[in-house]
Amino acid sequence: CINAALFFIPLHSKFRWRKLIGLSMLLLCFLFGIIMHRNNSASSKKSWYGHYLTTDAIMMLIIQSAPEHTPKTIKCYAEVVSVKTKKGNHSTQGKILVYFPNSSSAKNLKYGDSVFVVNKLQKISPPKNPGDFNYERYLKRRNIYHQAFLKPVDFVVKKLHHKPLYAYIIDLKNGIIKTTDL
C-alpha cells in the first residue's frame, strides 16, 4: 500500500521515503515467506494423517518412490491416502518413510502399489551427537514426520492394475541397469 501510494509522489520527495520503502518491502517479503511456509506445511492441514493416528489405526499407503533394496530391508517413501480408525475412515494426505523387511511379499513392491499397514509409525529421532547430520530436520523440510519399520505380518500389498507413467520410467531404468550389469 505504501509503495503504491509513493508512486504518485513527485520524484524529488520520493528519496525522503527510501528508508520507509526499504523497510516496508522487507516486511512484505518476510510476511510472504511466513504465509508460504504455513501453506506448504503438511502437518498444519486438517487432512494430515497425524491427526487421526491411534494404536489400532490401519493406513492405506501408495508407494511414491522406487523401492531401494538393501540386504535386510526395502526402503521407500509412501503417501498416506487414508486412515481407518474406530471412528471411521478418514481421507488423509502426508508422506512417510517406510522400511519393509526383505521378504517374499515385499520383494516385488513397485511405484504406485497400494499397501495396507497396521500403525507402527515412529517419530524420526534427532541426532544423538552434536554436529551430526540432522536427518530429522532434513525429512521435516520434505514434509516427512514419521517412519515405519514393518514386519511381514504388519502389511498387505495390493498390486496396481494400471501403471502411471512414472512407473514405466522406473521399470525402464531398472531394465537398463540389469542389462548393463555384468
N, C-alpha and C. Protein backbone atom coordinates (compact mmCIF):
# COMPACT_ATOMS: atom_id res chain seq x y z
N CYS A 1 0.83 -1.19 0.00
CA CYS A 1 0.00 0.00 0.00
C CYS A 1 0.87 1.25 0.00
N ILE A 2 1.88 1.22 0.87
CA ILE A 2 2.75 2.39 0.97
C ILE A 2 3.51 2.59 -0.33
N ASN A 3 3.99 1.48 -0.90
CA ASN A 3 4.75 1.58 -2.14
C ASN A 3 3.89 2.08 -3.29
N ALA A 4 2.65 1.65 -3.34
CA ALA A 4 1.75 2.11 -4.40
C ALA A 4 1.43 3.60 -4.24
N ALA A 5 1.29 4.07 -3.01
CA ALA A 5 0.99 5.47 -2.77
C ALA A 5 2.19 6.35 -3.12
N LEU A 6 3.39 5.84 -2.90
CA LEU A 6 4.59 6.62 -3.19
C LEU A 6 4.84 6.75 -4.69
N PHE A 7 4.18 5.96 -5.50
CA PHE A 7 4.33 6.05 -6.95
C PHE A 7 3.85 7.40 -7.47
N PHE A 8 2.85 7.96 -6.81
CA PHE A 8 2.25 9.21 -7.27
C PHE A 8 2.92 10.46 -6.68
N ILE A 9 3.88 10.29 -5.79
CA ILE A 9 4.59 11.43 -5.20
C ILE A 9 5.69 11.87 -6.16
N PRO A 10 5.94 13.15 -6.31
CA PRO A 10 7.00 13.62 -7.21
C PRO A 10 8.35 13.02 -6.86
N LEU A 11 9.22 12.94 -7.87
CA LEU A 11 10.49 12.24 -7.75
C LEU A 11 11.40 12.80 -6.66
N HIS A 12 11.52 14.12 -6.53
CA HIS A 12 12.46 14.69 -5.55
C HIS A 12 12.05 14.39 -4.11
N SER A 13 10.76 14.21 -3.85
CA SER A 13 10.35 13.90 -2.47
C SER A 13 10.30 12.40 -2.20
N LYS A 14 10.43 11.58 -3.23
CA LYS A 14 10.44 10.12 -3.03
C LYS A 14 11.68 9.68 -2.26
N PHE A 15 12.80 10.38 -2.46
CA PHE A 15 14.04 9.96 -1.82
C PHE A 15 13.99 10.17 -0.31
N ARG A 16 13.11 11.00 0.17
CA ARG A 16 12.94 11.17 1.62
C ARG A 16 12.35 9.91 2.24
N TRP A 17 11.62 9.14 1.45
CA TRP A 17 10.91 7.97 1.94
C TRP A 17 11.65 6.66 1.67
N ARG A 18 12.88 6.68 1.17
CA ARG A 18 13.54 5.45 0.74
C ARG A 18 13.76 4.46 1.87
N LYS A 19 14.03 4.93 3.09
CA LYS A 19 14.20 4.01 4.22
C LYS A 19 12.88 3.34 4.56
N LEU A 20 11.81 4.10 4.50
CA LEU A 20 10.49 3.54 4.78
C LEU A 20 10.10 2.53 3.70
N ILE A 21 10.41 2.85 2.46
CA ILE A 21 10.10 1.92 1.36
C ILE A 21 10.90 0.63 1.53
N GLY A 22 12.18 0.73 1.83
CA GLY A 22 13.01 -0.45 2.03
C GLY A 22 12.51 -1.31 3.18
N LEU A 23 12.16 -0.67 4.29
CA LEU A 23 11.64 -1.40 5.45
C LEU A 23 10.31 -2.07 5.14
N SER A 24 9.43 -1.37 4.41
CA SER A 24 8.13 -1.96 4.08
C SER A 24 8.29 -3.14 3.12
N MET A 25 9.25 -3.05 2.19
CA MET A 25 9.49 -4.18 1.27
C MET A 25 10.05 -5.38 2.04
N LEU A 26 10.94 -5.13 2.98
CA LEU A 26 11.49 -6.21 3.80
C LEU A 26 10.40 -6.88 4.61
N LEU A 27 9.54 -6.09 5.22
CA LEU A 27 8.42 -6.63 5.99
C LEU A 27 7.47 -7.43 5.10
N LEU A 28 7.20 -6.93 3.91
CA LEU A 28 6.32 -7.61 2.97
C LEU A 28 6.90 -8.97 2.56
N CYS A 29 8.18 -9.02 2.27
CA CYS A 29 8.83 -10.28 1.90
C CYS A 29 8.83 -11.26 3.07
N PHE A 30 9.06 -10.77 4.28
CA PHE A 30 9.05 -11.62 5.46
C PHE A 30 7.68 -12.24 5.68
N LEU A 31 6.63 -11.43 5.59
CA LEU A 31 5.26 -11.93 5.77
C LEU A 31 4.88 -12.90 4.66
N PHE A 32 5.31 -12.64 3.45
CA PHE A 32 5.05 -13.56 2.34
C PHE A 32 5.71 -14.91 2.60
N GLY A 33 6.91 -14.92 3.13
CA GLY A 33 7.60 -16.16 3.47
C GLY A 33 6.88 -16.95 4.54
N ILE A 34 6.36 -16.27 5.56
CA ILE A 34 5.61 -16.95 6.63
C ILE A 34 4.34 -17.58 6.07
N ILE A 35 3.64 -16.85 5.22
CA ILE A 35 2.41 -17.38 4.62
C ILE A 35 2.71 -18.59 3.75
N MET A 36 3.78 -18.53 2.96
CA MET A 36 4.15 -19.66 2.10
C MET A 36 4.51 -20.88 2.94
N HIS A 37 5.21 -20.68 4.03
CA HIS A 37 5.59 -21.80 4.90
C HIS A 37 4.35 -22.46 5.50
N ARG A 38 3.41 -21.66 5.98
CA ARG A 38 2.18 -22.21 6.57
C ARG A 38 1.36 -22.98 5.54
N ASN A 39 1.31 -22.50 4.31
CA ASN A 39 0.52 -23.17 3.27
C ASN A 39 1.16 -24.46 2.80
N ASN A 40 2.48 -24.56 2.83
CA ASN A 40 3.16 -25.75 2.33
C ASN A 40 3.48 -26.78 3.40
N SER A 41 3.24 -26.49 4.65
CA SER A 41 3.49 -27.44 5.73
C SER A 41 2.33 -28.42 5.82
N ALA A 42 2.64 -29.70 5.64
CA ALA A 42 1.59 -30.72 5.64
C ALA A 42 0.96 -30.89 7.02
N SER A 43 1.74 -30.76 8.07
CA SER A 43 1.22 -31.01 9.42
C SER A 43 0.22 -29.96 9.88
N SER A 44 0.15 -28.81 9.22
CA SER A 44 -0.81 -27.79 9.62
C SER A 44 -2.16 -27.94 8.92
N LYS A 45 -2.27 -28.88 7.98
CA LYS A 45 -3.52 -29.08 7.27
C LYS A 45 -4.45 -30.01 8.06
N LYS A 46 -5.74 -29.82 7.88
CA LYS A 46 -6.73 -30.61 8.61
C LYS A 46 -6.71 -32.08 8.19
N SER A 47 -6.37 -32.35 6.94
CA SER A 47 -6.40 -33.72 6.44
C SER A 47 -5.07 -34.46 6.63
N TRP A 48 -4.15 -33.92 7.43
CA TRP A 48 -2.88 -34.60 7.67
C TRP A 48 -3.13 -35.87 8.46
N TYR A 49 -2.48 -36.96 8.08
CA TYR A 49 -2.70 -38.27 8.69
C TYR A 49 -2.39 -38.29 10.19
N GLY A 50 -1.48 -37.46 10.65
CA GLY A 50 -1.08 -37.46 12.06
C GLY A 50 -2.20 -37.10 13.01
N HIS A 51 -3.22 -36.40 12.52
CA HIS A 51 -4.35 -36.03 13.38
C HIS A 51 -5.26 -37.23 13.68
N TYR A 52 -5.15 -38.30 12.91
CA TYR A 52 -6.06 -39.44 13.05
C TYR A 52 -5.38 -40.70 13.57
N LEU A 53 -4.10 -40.62 13.91
CA LEU A 53 -3.38 -41.82 14.32
C LEU A 53 -3.80 -42.29 15.71
N THR A 54 -4.11 -43.56 15.79
CA THR A 54 -4.34 -44.25 17.05
C THR A 54 -3.56 -45.56 17.00
N THR A 55 -3.50 -46.27 18.10
CA THR A 55 -2.71 -47.52 18.12
C THR A 55 -3.35 -48.60 17.26
N ASP A 56 -4.65 -48.54 17.07
CA ASP A 56 -5.33 -49.57 16.27
C ASP A 56 -5.62 -49.13 14.84
N ALA A 57 -5.05 -48.03 14.40
CA ALA A 57 -5.33 -47.49 13.07
C ALA A 57 -4.71 -48.37 11.98
N ILE A 58 -5.44 -48.45 10.86
CA ILE A 58 -4.94 -49.14 9.66
C ILE A 58 -4.85 -48.08 8.57
N MET A 59 -3.68 -48.01 7.95
CA MET A 59 -3.44 -46.97 6.95
C MET A 59 -3.32 -47.58 5.57
N MET A 60 -3.82 -46.85 4.59
CA MET A 60 -3.61 -47.23 3.20
C MET A 60 -2.54 -46.31 2.64
N LEU A 61 -1.45 -46.91 2.17
CA LEU A 61 -0.32 -46.17 1.62
C LEU A 61 -0.22 -46.42 0.13
N ILE A 62 0.31 -45.44 -0.59
CA ILE A 62 0.66 -45.63 -2.00
C ILE A 62 2.14 -45.33 -2.13
N ILE A 63 2.88 -46.29 -2.67
CA ILE A 63 4.33 -46.15 -2.81
C ILE A 63 4.61 -45.00 -3.78
N GLN A 64 5.44 -44.03 -3.33
CA GLN A 64 5.71 -42.83 -4.11
C GLN A 64 7.14 -42.72 -4.63
N SER A 65 7.94 -43.76 -4.41
CA SER A 65 9.31 -43.75 -4.91
C SER A 65 9.69 -45.17 -5.31
N ALA A 66 10.74 -45.26 -6.08
CA ALA A 66 11.25 -46.59 -6.44
C ALA A 66 11.83 -47.22 -5.18
N PRO A 67 11.41 -48.43 -4.83
CA PRO A 67 11.95 -49.07 -3.62
C PRO A 67 13.46 -49.30 -3.73
N GLU A 68 14.16 -48.98 -2.65
CA GLU A 68 15.61 -49.18 -2.58
C GLU A 68 15.89 -50.46 -1.80
N HIS A 69 16.47 -51.44 -2.46
CA HIS A 69 16.73 -52.74 -1.84
C HIS A 69 18.09 -52.73 -1.15
N THR A 70 18.12 -53.17 0.10
CA THR A 70 19.35 -53.40 0.85
C THR A 70 19.32 -54.85 1.32
N PRO A 71 20.39 -55.37 1.89
CA PRO A 71 20.37 -56.79 2.30
C PRO A 71 19.26 -57.15 3.29
N LYS A 72 18.88 -56.23 4.19
CA LYS A 72 17.88 -56.57 5.20
C LYS A 72 16.52 -55.91 4.98
N THR A 73 16.49 -54.74 4.36
CA THR A 73 15.23 -54.01 4.24
C THR A 73 15.03 -53.46 2.83
N ILE A 74 13.80 -53.01 2.61
CA ILE A 74 13.44 -52.30 1.38
C ILE A 74 12.89 -50.95 1.83
N LYS A 75 13.55 -49.88 1.40
CA LYS A 75 13.18 -48.54 1.82
C LYS A 75 12.44 -47.82 0.70
N CYS A 76 11.34 -47.14 1.06
CA CYS A 76 10.64 -46.32 0.08
C CYS A 76 9.81 -45.25 0.81
N TYR A 77 9.45 -44.24 0.05
CA TYR A 77 8.57 -43.19 0.54
C TYR A 77 7.15 -43.52 0.12
N ALA A 78 6.19 -43.22 0.98
CA ALA A 78 4.80 -43.54 0.68
C ALA A 78 3.90 -42.39 1.09
N GLU A 79 2.81 -42.25 0.36
CA GLU A 79 1.78 -41.26 0.66
C GLU A 79 0.68 -41.96 1.46
N VAL A 80 0.28 -41.36 2.59
CA VAL A 80 -0.80 -41.92 3.40
C VAL A 80 -2.11 -41.38 2.81
N VAL A 81 -2.88 -42.27 2.18
CA VAL A 81 -4.09 -41.87 1.48
C VAL A 81 -5.31 -41.88 2.40
N SER A 82 -5.37 -42.88 3.28
CA SER A 82 -6.49 -42.93 4.22
C SER A 82 -6.07 -43.64 5.50
N VAL A 83 -6.78 -43.30 6.58
CA VAL A 83 -6.57 -43.92 7.88
C VAL A 83 -7.92 -44.40 8.39
N LYS A 84 -7.97 -45.69 8.75
CA LYS A 84 -9.21 -46.26 9.28
C LYS A 84 -9.04 -46.46 10.78
N THR A 85 -9.93 -45.83 11.54
CA THR A 85 -9.92 -45.95 13.00
C THR A 85 -11.30 -46.45 13.45
N LYS A 86 -11.49 -46.55 14.76
CA LYS A 86 -12.79 -46.95 15.28
C LYS A 86 -13.86 -45.90 14.96
N LYS A 87 -13.44 -44.66 14.78
CA LYS A 87 -14.38 -43.58 14.48
C LYS A 87 -14.76 -43.53 13.01
N GLY A 88 -14.08 -44.29 12.17
CA GLY A 88 -14.42 -44.30 10.75
C GLY A 88 -13.20 -44.21 9.86
N ASN A 89 -13.48 -44.08 8.57
CA ASN A 89 -12.42 -43.99 7.57
C ASN A 89 -12.20 -42.52 7.23
N HIS A 90 -10.94 -42.07 7.29
CA HIS A 90 -10.61 -40.67 7.06
C HIS A 90 -9.70 -40.56 5.84
N SER A 91 -10.08 -39.73 4.89
CA SER A 91 -9.23 -39.44 3.74
C SER A 91 -8.13 -38.49 4.20
N THR A 92 -6.87 -38.86 3.97
CA THR A 92 -5.76 -38.09 4.50
C THR A 92 -4.72 -37.79 3.44
N GLN A 93 -3.72 -37.03 3.84
CA GLN A 93 -2.57 -36.76 2.99
C GLN A 93 -1.35 -36.64 3.88
N GLY A 94 -0.19 -36.82 3.30
CA GLY A 94 1.07 -36.74 4.02
C GLY A 94 1.98 -37.90 3.62
N LYS A 95 3.28 -37.70 3.75
CA LYS A 95 4.25 -38.71 3.36
C LYS A 95 4.90 -39.32 4.59
N ILE A 96 5.31 -40.58 4.45
CA ILE A 96 6.08 -41.25 5.48
C ILE A 96 7.22 -42.03 4.82
N LEU A 97 8.18 -42.40 5.62
CA LEU A 97 9.30 -43.23 5.19
C LEU A 97 9.03 -44.63 5.71
N VAL A 98 9.05 -45.64 4.81
CA VAL A 98 8.68 -47.00 5.20
C VAL A 98 9.84 -47.94 4.91
N TYR A 99 10.15 -48.79 5.89
CA TYR A 99 11.14 -49.84 5.73
C TYR A 99 10.42 -51.18 5.80
N PHE A 100 10.38 -51.91 4.68
CA PHE A 100 9.79 -53.23 4.62
C PHE A 100 10.88 -54.27 4.85
N PRO A 101 10.52 -55.43 5.41
CA PRO A 101 11.53 -56.49 5.51
C PRO A 101 11.81 -57.05 4.12
N ASN A 102 12.97 -57.59 3.93
CA ASN A 102 13.34 -58.16 2.64
C ASN A 102 12.73 -59.56 2.52
N SER A 103 11.39 -59.59 2.51
CA SER A 103 10.65 -60.86 2.46
C SER A 103 10.02 -61.04 1.08
N SER A 104 9.42 -62.20 0.87
CA SER A 104 8.83 -62.50 -0.44
C SER A 104 7.66 -61.58 -0.77
N SER A 105 6.90 -61.16 0.23
CA SER A 105 5.74 -60.30 -0.05
C SER A 105 6.14 -58.87 -0.39
N ALA A 106 7.33 -58.43 0.03
CA ALA A 106 7.75 -57.06 -0.23
C ALA A 106 8.76 -56.95 -1.36
N LYS A 107 9.31 -58.06 -1.83
CA LYS A 107 10.34 -58.01 -2.87
C LYS A 107 9.83 -57.42 -4.18
N ASN A 108 8.55 -57.61 -4.48
CA ASN A 108 8.00 -57.16 -5.75
C ASN A 108 7.28 -55.82 -5.66
N LEU A 109 7.56 -55.04 -4.62
CA LEU A 109 6.95 -53.72 -4.50
C LEU A 109 7.39 -52.84 -5.64
N LYS A 110 6.46 -52.05 -6.16
CA LYS A 110 6.75 -51.13 -7.25
C LYS A 110 6.09 -49.79 -6.97
N TYR A 111 6.54 -48.78 -7.68
CA TYR A 111 5.94 -47.46 -7.58
C TYR A 111 4.45 -47.55 -7.90
N GLY A 112 3.62 -46.92 -7.07
CA GLY A 112 2.18 -46.88 -7.31
C GLY A 112 1.39 -47.99 -6.65
N ASP A 113 2.06 -49.00 -6.07
CA ASP A 113 1.35 -50.08 -5.39
C ASP A 113 0.68 -49.56 -4.12
N SER A 114 -0.47 -50.15 -3.79
CA SER A 114 -1.15 -49.82 -2.55
C SER A 114 -0.72 -50.81 -1.48
N VAL A 115 -0.53 -50.32 -0.28
CA VAL A 115 -0.12 -51.16 0.84
C VAL A 115 -1.00 -50.80 2.03
N PHE A 116 -1.58 -51.82 2.67
CA PHE A 116 -2.35 -51.62 3.88
C PHE A 116 -1.46 -51.97 5.06
N VAL A 117 -1.35 -51.02 6.01
CA VAL A 117 -0.36 -51.14 7.08
C VAL A 117 -1.03 -50.92 8.43
N VAL A 118 -0.66 -51.75 9.41
CA VAL A 118 -1.06 -51.52 10.79
C VAL A 118 -0.17 -50.40 11.32
N ASN A 119 -0.74 -49.53 12.15
CA ASN A 119 0.01 -48.36 12.64
C ASN A 119 1.25 -48.79 13.44
N LYS A 120 2.39 -48.64 12.85
CA LYS A 120 3.69 -48.89 13.51
C LYS A 120 4.58 -47.66 13.35
N LEU A 121 3.97 -46.49 13.22
CA LEU A 121 4.74 -45.29 12.95
C LEU A 121 5.51 -44.82 14.18
N GLN A 122 6.71 -44.32 13.90
CA GLN A 122 7.57 -43.74 14.93
C GLN A 122 8.01 -42.37 14.45
N LYS A 123 8.18 -41.46 15.38
CA LYS A 123 8.75 -40.17 15.00
C LYS A 123 10.21 -40.38 14.66
N ILE A 124 10.71 -39.59 13.75
CA ILE A 124 12.11 -39.70 13.34
C ILE A 124 12.96 -39.06 14.43
N SER A 125 13.95 -39.79 14.89
CA SER A 125 14.74 -39.31 16.03
C SER A 125 15.79 -38.29 15.59
N PRO A 126 16.03 -37.30 16.45
CA PRO A 126 17.07 -36.30 16.15
C PRO A 126 18.46 -36.92 16.32
N PRO A 127 19.50 -36.24 15.87
CA PRO A 127 20.84 -36.80 16.01
C PRO A 127 21.24 -36.91 17.49
N LYS A 128 22.01 -37.94 17.80
CA LYS A 128 22.40 -38.18 19.19
C LYS A 128 23.66 -37.41 19.57
N ASN A 129 24.49 -37.08 18.59
CA ASN A 129 25.73 -36.34 18.85
C ASN A 129 25.66 -34.95 18.25
N PRO A 130 26.21 -33.96 18.94
CA PRO A 130 26.21 -32.61 18.36
C PRO A 130 27.08 -32.57 17.10
N GLY A 131 26.61 -31.84 16.11
CA GLY A 131 27.36 -31.71 14.87
C GLY A 131 27.07 -32.78 13.85
N ASP A 132 26.30 -33.81 14.22
CA ASP A 132 25.92 -34.85 13.25
C ASP A 132 24.89 -34.31 12.27
N PHE A 133 24.79 -34.99 11.13
CA PHE A 133 23.77 -34.62 10.15
C PHE A 133 22.39 -34.81 10.78
N ASN A 134 21.55 -33.80 10.67
CA ASN A 134 20.22 -33.85 11.27
C ASN A 134 19.22 -34.40 10.25
N TYR A 135 19.08 -35.73 10.24
CA TYR A 135 18.18 -36.40 9.31
C TYR A 135 16.73 -36.04 9.59
N GLU A 136 16.41 -35.82 10.86
CA GLU A 136 15.05 -35.45 11.23
C GLU A 136 14.67 -34.11 10.58
N ARG A 137 15.54 -33.12 10.67
CA ARG A 137 15.26 -31.81 10.07
C ARG A 137 15.21 -31.91 8.55
N TYR A 138 16.08 -32.72 7.97
CA TYR A 138 16.09 -32.93 6.53
C TYR A 138 14.74 -33.47 6.05
N LEU A 139 14.21 -34.48 6.74
CA LEU A 139 12.93 -35.06 6.35
C LEU A 139 11.76 -34.12 6.64
N LYS A 140 11.84 -33.35 7.71
CA LYS A 140 10.77 -32.39 8.01
C LYS A 140 10.65 -31.35 6.91
N ARG A 141 11.77 -30.95 6.34
CA ARG A 141 11.72 -29.99 5.24
C ARG A 141 11.09 -30.60 4.00
N ARG A 142 11.06 -31.92 3.93
CA ARG A 142 10.37 -32.61 2.83
C ARG A 142 8.96 -33.05 3.25
N ASN A 143 8.48 -32.53 4.39
CA ASN A 143 7.16 -32.84 4.95
C ASN A 143 7.00 -34.32 5.29
N ILE A 144 8.05 -34.94 5.82
CA ILE A 144 8.01 -36.32 6.28
C ILE A 144 8.31 -36.30 7.77
N TYR A 145 7.33 -36.73 8.58
CA TYR A 145 7.46 -36.61 10.03
C TYR A 145 7.54 -37.97 10.74
N HIS A 146 7.21 -39.06 10.04
CA HIS A 146 7.21 -40.38 10.67
C HIS A 146 7.89 -41.40 9.77
N GLN A 147 8.31 -42.50 10.41
CA GLN A 147 8.87 -43.63 9.69
C GLN A 147 8.27 -44.91 10.28
N ALA A 148 8.31 -45.98 9.52
CA ALA A 148 7.76 -47.25 9.99
C ALA A 148 8.72 -48.37 9.62
N PHE A 149 9.04 -49.20 10.60
CA PHE A 149 9.83 -50.41 10.38
C PHE A 149 8.85 -51.58 10.51
N LEU A 150 8.52 -52.19 9.39
CA LEU A 150 7.46 -53.18 9.37
C LEU A 150 7.99 -54.60 9.39
N LYS A 151 7.16 -55.50 9.90
CA LYS A 151 7.41 -56.94 9.87
C LYS A 151 6.47 -57.53 8.82
N PRO A 152 6.72 -58.75 8.37
CA PRO A 152 5.84 -59.33 7.33
C PRO A 152 4.36 -59.39 7.70
N VAL A 153 4.03 -59.46 8.99
CA VAL A 153 2.63 -59.55 9.40
C VAL A 153 1.96 -58.18 9.52
N ASP A 154 2.72 -57.11 9.36
CA ASP A 154 2.19 -55.76 9.56
C ASP A 154 1.61 -55.12 8.30
N PHE A 155 1.73 -55.76 7.15
CA PHE A 155 1.28 -55.12 5.91
C PHE A 155 0.75 -56.14 4.91
N VAL A 156 -0.09 -55.62 4.00
CA VAL A 156 -0.62 -56.40 2.88
C VAL A 156 -0.45 -55.53 1.63
N VAL A 157 0.12 -56.12 0.58
CA VAL A 157 0.37 -55.38 -0.66
C VAL A 157 -0.75 -55.65 -1.64
N LYS A 158 -1.29 -54.60 -2.24
CA LYS A 158 -2.29 -54.73 -3.29
C LYS A 158 -1.66 -54.18 -4.56
N LYS A 159 -1.46 -55.03 -5.53
CA LYS A 159 -0.80 -54.62 -6.77
C LYS A 159 -1.67 -53.64 -7.55
N LEU A 160 -1.01 -52.76 -8.25
CA LEU A 160 -1.68 -51.74 -9.06
C LEU A 160 -2.01 -52.34 -10.43
N HIS A 161 -3.26 -52.18 -10.87
CA HIS A 161 -3.66 -52.72 -12.16
C HIS A 161 -3.33 -51.78 -13.31
N HIS A 162 -3.39 -50.50 -13.08
CA HIS A 162 -3.00 -49.52 -14.11
C HIS A 162 -1.71 -48.86 -13.63
N LYS A 163 -0.79 -48.66 -14.55
CA LYS A 163 0.51 -48.09 -14.18
C LYS A 163 0.57 -46.62 -14.58
N PRO A 164 1.00 -45.77 -13.65
CA PRO A 164 1.25 -44.39 -14.05
C PRO A 164 2.53 -44.31 -14.88
N LEU A 165 2.69 -43.22 -15.60
CA LEU A 165 3.85 -43.04 -16.48
C LEU A 165 5.17 -43.19 -15.73
N TYR A 166 5.23 -42.66 -14.51
CA TYR A 166 6.47 -42.73 -13.75
C TYR A 166 6.86 -44.17 -13.45
N ALA A 167 5.86 -45.08 -13.28
CA ALA A 167 6.16 -46.49 -13.03
C ALA A 167 6.84 -47.11 -14.25
N TYR A 168 6.40 -46.75 -15.45
CA TYR A 168 7.06 -47.25 -16.67
C TYR A 168 8.50 -46.74 -16.76
N ILE A 169 8.71 -45.49 -16.37
CA ILE A 169 10.06 -44.94 -16.40
C ILE A 169 10.97 -45.68 -15.42
N ILE A 170 10.48 -45.97 -14.24
CA ILE A 170 11.27 -46.71 -13.26
C ILE A 170 11.57 -48.12 -13.76
N ASP A 171 10.57 -48.79 -14.36
CA ASP A 171 10.80 -50.13 -14.92
C ASP A 171 11.85 -50.10 -16.02
N LEU A 172 11.80 -49.08 -16.87
CA LEU A 172 12.79 -48.93 -17.93
C LEU A 172 14.19 -48.73 -17.35
N LYS A 173 14.29 -47.89 -16.32
CA LYS A 173 15.58 -47.65 -15.67
C LYS A 173 16.13 -48.94 -15.06
N ASN A 174 15.27 -49.69 -14.37
CA ASN A 174 15.72 -50.96 -13.76
C ASN A 174 16.12 -51.97 -14.82
N GLY A 175 15.42 -52.01 -15.95
CA GLY A 175 15.79 -52.91 -17.04
C GLY A 175 17.13 -52.57 -17.63
N ILE A 176 17.41 -51.29 -17.80
CA ILE A 176 18.70 -50.85 -18.34
C ILE A 176 19.82 -51.20 -17.36
N ILE A 177 19.57 -51.00 -16.08
CA ILE A 177 20.59 -51.35 -15.08
C ILE A 177 20.88 -52.84 -15.08
N LYS A 178 19.84 -53.67 -15.19
CA LYS A 178 20.04 -55.13 -15.20
C LYS A 178 20.82 -55.58 -16.42
N THR A 179 20.55 -54.98 -17.57
CA THR A 179 21.23 -55.43 -18.79
C THR A 179 22.66 -54.92 -18.86
N THR A 180 22.96 -53.79 -18.21
CA THR A 180 24.33 -53.27 -18.25
C THR A 180 25.21 -53.84 -17.17
N ASP A 181 24.65 -54.39 -16.10
CA ASP A 181 25.45 -55.03 -15.06
C ASP A 181 26.01 -56.35 -15.57
N LEU A 182 27.28 -56.53 -15.41
CA LEU A 182 27.91 -57.78 -15.86
C LEU A 182 28.33 -58.61 -14.68
